[in-house]
Structures are given as structure tokens and as C-alpha cells.
Amino acid sequence: MNQRLFPTASALLLCAVLGCSGDPLRTGTGAQETAQEFCDALVRQDWARGHALLSPASQARCSSTQFAQRGRAHRRALGFEPELGRVRFCEEHGTQAIAHIVFTGRNVTRQRYPDALTLERSEAGWRVVLPARFGQSR
């Protein structure tokens, strides 16, 4: 009987070890929630909250006044009034994450604008890395 259990137990152990090795796409550490909060701030035009969610380096590069100006420009560039920003999924890789987002709203017809955010984890938690061209002409 032990001879029949050994191959099965070995296979299960091998699957468990191989399945648990590495951590290519971690989730559930707060990156997705931070990205969603940032999207909500952009939709509500809550520039103070959006700026507070930026990484320290992004905050140093872009003052709260500049962020508000660039945020308004970003919304205009969408071509429609966003009603909702939603994180579709978020991939975490160590201290970095990429959140795939979509803004939806109406102009004359229903509009969608897919986008992505880069986040980094620091002692303060997950923060958004503001793209250098955020709110600038494409």
C-alpha cells in the first residue's frame, strides 16, 4: 500500500513546491486600492487627495498646484467627462505595481479611455508614480 501512495504523495509535494516557488504576480497588498483611490480623486477632481497619493519623488517634481493644473488638462485630453475610473486589474512585482485602469463617461456617446498607472511601495504604503507627461499634450 505504501508503494501506491508514494508516487501520489511525491507528485502532490512536487506540485506544491513548483506552484509556490516565486511570486510573479502578488496581489492584495494595497496597490489596487491605492490606484482606485487615485482614479476616484481624478474623477471627483479632488486634487489634494490625488496629490497626497503620489510617491514622494512625484510630489517633489509636481507641486499640488501643478498637479491640479495637469489633472484638469488630463481630463480635457480624455475628450469626455469621466464619470467613473475603475481598476481592471493590478499586477504587483515586489515594490512595483502596474494598475490597468479605464475611465468611462459620456460625451455624445458612451466613451472609454484605457490607461495604466505605475505604483511603488514605500514605508508609507503604495503610492502613484506620476508619469512625466501627465496632463501634457500628447
Protein backbone atom coordinates (compact mmCIF):
# COMPACT_ATOMS: atom_id res chain seq x y z
CA MET A 1 0.00 0.00 0.00
CA ASN A 2 2.88 2.39 0.77
CA GLN A 3 4.22 1.81 -2.74
CA ARG A 4 0.97 3.15 -4.27
CA LEU A 5 0.87 6.24 -2.02
CA PHE A 6 4.48 7.24 -2.64
CA PRO A 7 4.06 8.35 -6.30
CA THR A 8 0.87 10.26 -5.47
CA ALA A 9 2.37 11.96 -2.41
CA SER A 10 5.54 12.77 -4.36
CA ALA A 11 3.53 14.29 -7.20
CA LEU A 12 1.48 16.41 -4.79
CA LEU A 13 4.60 17.60 -3.00
CA LEU A 14 6.30 18.46 -6.31
CA CYS A 15 3.22 20.43 -7.48
CA ALA A 16 3.08 22.31 -4.20
CA VAL A 17 6.76 23.23 -4.35
CA LEU A 18 6.68 24.27 -8.01
CA GLY A 19 3.37 26.07 -7.65
CA CYS A 20 4.59 28.10 -4.67
CA SER A 21 8.04 28.96 -5.94
CA GLY A 22 8.43 32.60 -6.87
CA ASP A 23 5.85 35.31 -6.55
CA PRO A 24 5.42 36.73 -10.06
CA LEU A 25 2.04 38.46 -9.62
CA ARG A 26 1.34 39.35 -6.00
CA THR A 27 -1.96 40.98 -5.18
CA GLY A 28 -3.84 42.12 -2.12
CA THR A 29 -1.21 44.35 -0.54
CA GLY A 30 -3.00 47.66 -1.16
CA ALA A 31 -1.70 48.66 -4.60
CA GLN A 32 -5.06 48.12 -6.28
CA GLU A 33 -6.86 50.07 -3.56
CA THR A 34 -4.43 52.98 -3.87
CA ALA A 35 -4.84 53.02 -7.66
CA GLN A 36 -8.64 53.01 -7.26
CA GLU A 37 -8.49 55.84 -4.76
CA PHE A 38 -6.33 57.84 -7.18
CA CYS A 39 -8.81 57.23 -10.04
CA ASP A 40 -11.68 58.32 -7.79
CA ALA A 41 -9.79 61.50 -6.90
CA LEU A 42 -9.27 62.33 -10.59
CA VAL A 43 -12.93 61.74 -11.40
CA ARG A 44 -14.08 63.88 -8.43
CA GLN A 45 -11.40 66.48 -9.19
CA ASP A 46 -10.14 66.10 -5.64
CA TRP A 47 -6.68 67.36 -6.50
CA ALA A 48 -5.47 67.49 -2.88
CA ARG A 49 -6.28 63.80 -2.36
CA GLY A 50 -4.77 62.81 -5.71
CA HIS A 51 -1.56 64.69 -4.90
CA ALA A 52 -1.39 63.05 -1.47
CA LEU A 53 -1.40 59.63 -3.18
CA LEU A 54 1.66 60.44 -5.28
CA SER A 55 5.06 58.99 -4.49
CA PRO A 56 7.44 61.31 -2.62
CA ALA A 57 9.54 61.77 -5.78
CA SER A 58 6.42 62.66 -7.80
CA GLN A 59 5.29 65.13 -5.14
CA ALA A 60 8.73 66.76 -5.21
CA ARG A 61 8.56 67.04 -9.01
CA CYS A 62 4.98 68.33 -9.14
CA SER A 63 3.50 70.72 -6.56
CA SER A 64 -0.15 70.43 -5.56
CA THR A 65 -0.97 73.49 -7.71
CA GLN A 66 0.81 71.99 -10.71
CA PHE A 67 -0.91 68.67 -10.12
CA ALA A 68 -4.34 70.34 -10.16
CA GLN A 69 -3.50 72.13 -13.44
CA ARG A 70 -2.14 68.97 -15.02
CA GLY A 71 -5.07 66.93 -13.70
CA ARG A 72 -7.55 69.28 -15.37
CA ALA A 73 -5.55 69.09 -18.61
CA HIS A 74 -5.53 65.29 -18.39
CA ARG A 75 -9.32 65.24 -18.02
CA ARG A 76 -9.73 67.57 -21.03
CA ALA A 77 -7.47 65.29 -23.10
CA LEU A 78 -9.84 62.39 -22.46
CA GLY A 79 -12.35 64.08 -24.76
CA PHE A 80 -15.29 63.37 -22.44
CA GLU A 81 -16.36 64.00 -18.87
CA PRO A 82 -15.28 60.94 -16.86
CA GLU A 83 -17.99 59.56 -14.60
CA LEU A 84 -16.06 56.56 -13.34
CA GLY A 85 -12.48 55.38 -13.10
CA ARG A 86 -12.04 51.69 -12.41
CA VAL A 87 -9.02 49.47 -11.86
CA ARG A 88 -9.48 46.46 -14.12
CA PHE A 89 -6.55 44.58 -12.60
CA CYS A 90 -3.28 45.25 -10.84
CA GLU A 91 0.00 43.37 -11.20
CA GLU A 92 2.41 43.58 -8.29
CA HIS A 93 6.10 42.78 -8.64
CA GLY A 94 7.93 43.31 -5.36
CA THR A 95 7.93 47.05 -4.61
CA GLN A 96 6.44 47.99 -8.00
CA ALA A 97 2.95 47.58 -9.41
CA ILE A 98 1.10 48.36 -12.62
CA ALA A 99 -2.62 49.10 -12.40
CA HIS A 100 -4.62 48.79 -15.61
CA ILE A 101 -7.45 51.29 -15.42
CA VAL A 102 -10.30 52.53 -17.56
CA PHE A 103 -12.19 55.80 -17.36
CA THR A 104 -15.75 55.83 -18.65
CA GLY A 105 -18.17 58.65 -19.24
CA ARG A 106 -20.37 60.34 -21.78
CA ASN A 107 -19.87 62.91 -24.46
CA VAL A 108 -22.43 62.37 -27.19
CA THR A 109 -21.95 58.63 -26.88
CA ARG A 110 -20.55 56.35 -24.20
CA GLN A 111 -16.79 56.79 -24.03
CA ARG A 112 -13.97 54.64 -22.60
CA TYR A 113 -10.33 55.53 -22.07
CA PRO A 114 -7.94 52.74 -21.06
CA ASP A 115 -4.83 53.78 -19.17
CA ALA A 116 -2.25 52.42 -16.73
CA LEU A 117 -0.67 53.64 -13.52
CA THR A 118 2.71 52.72 -12.08
CA LEU A 119 2.88 52.45 -8.31
CA GLU A 120 5.73 51.94 -5.90
CA ARG A 121 5.67 50.69 -2.34
CA SER A 122 7.43 52.69 0.34
CA GLU A 123 7.26 52.93 4.12
CA ALA A 124 4.07 54.97 3.71
CA GLY A 125 2.45 52.22 1.62
CA TRP A 126 1.66 52.19 -2.09
CA ARG A 127 1.94 55.50 -3.95
CA VAL A 128 1.36 56.52 -7.58
CA VAL A 129 4.37 57.40 -9.72
CA LEU A 130 3.19 60.34 -11.82
CA PRO A 131 4.21 59.98 -15.47
CA ALA A 132 6.47 62.82 -16.62
CA ARG A 133 3.97 63.73 -19.36
CA PHE A 134 0.83 63.58 -17.18
CA GLY A 135 -1.53 66.35 -18.30
CA GLN A 136 0.69 67.44 -21.16
CA SER A 137 -0.14 67.36 -24.87
CA ARG A 138 0.40 64.02 -26.48
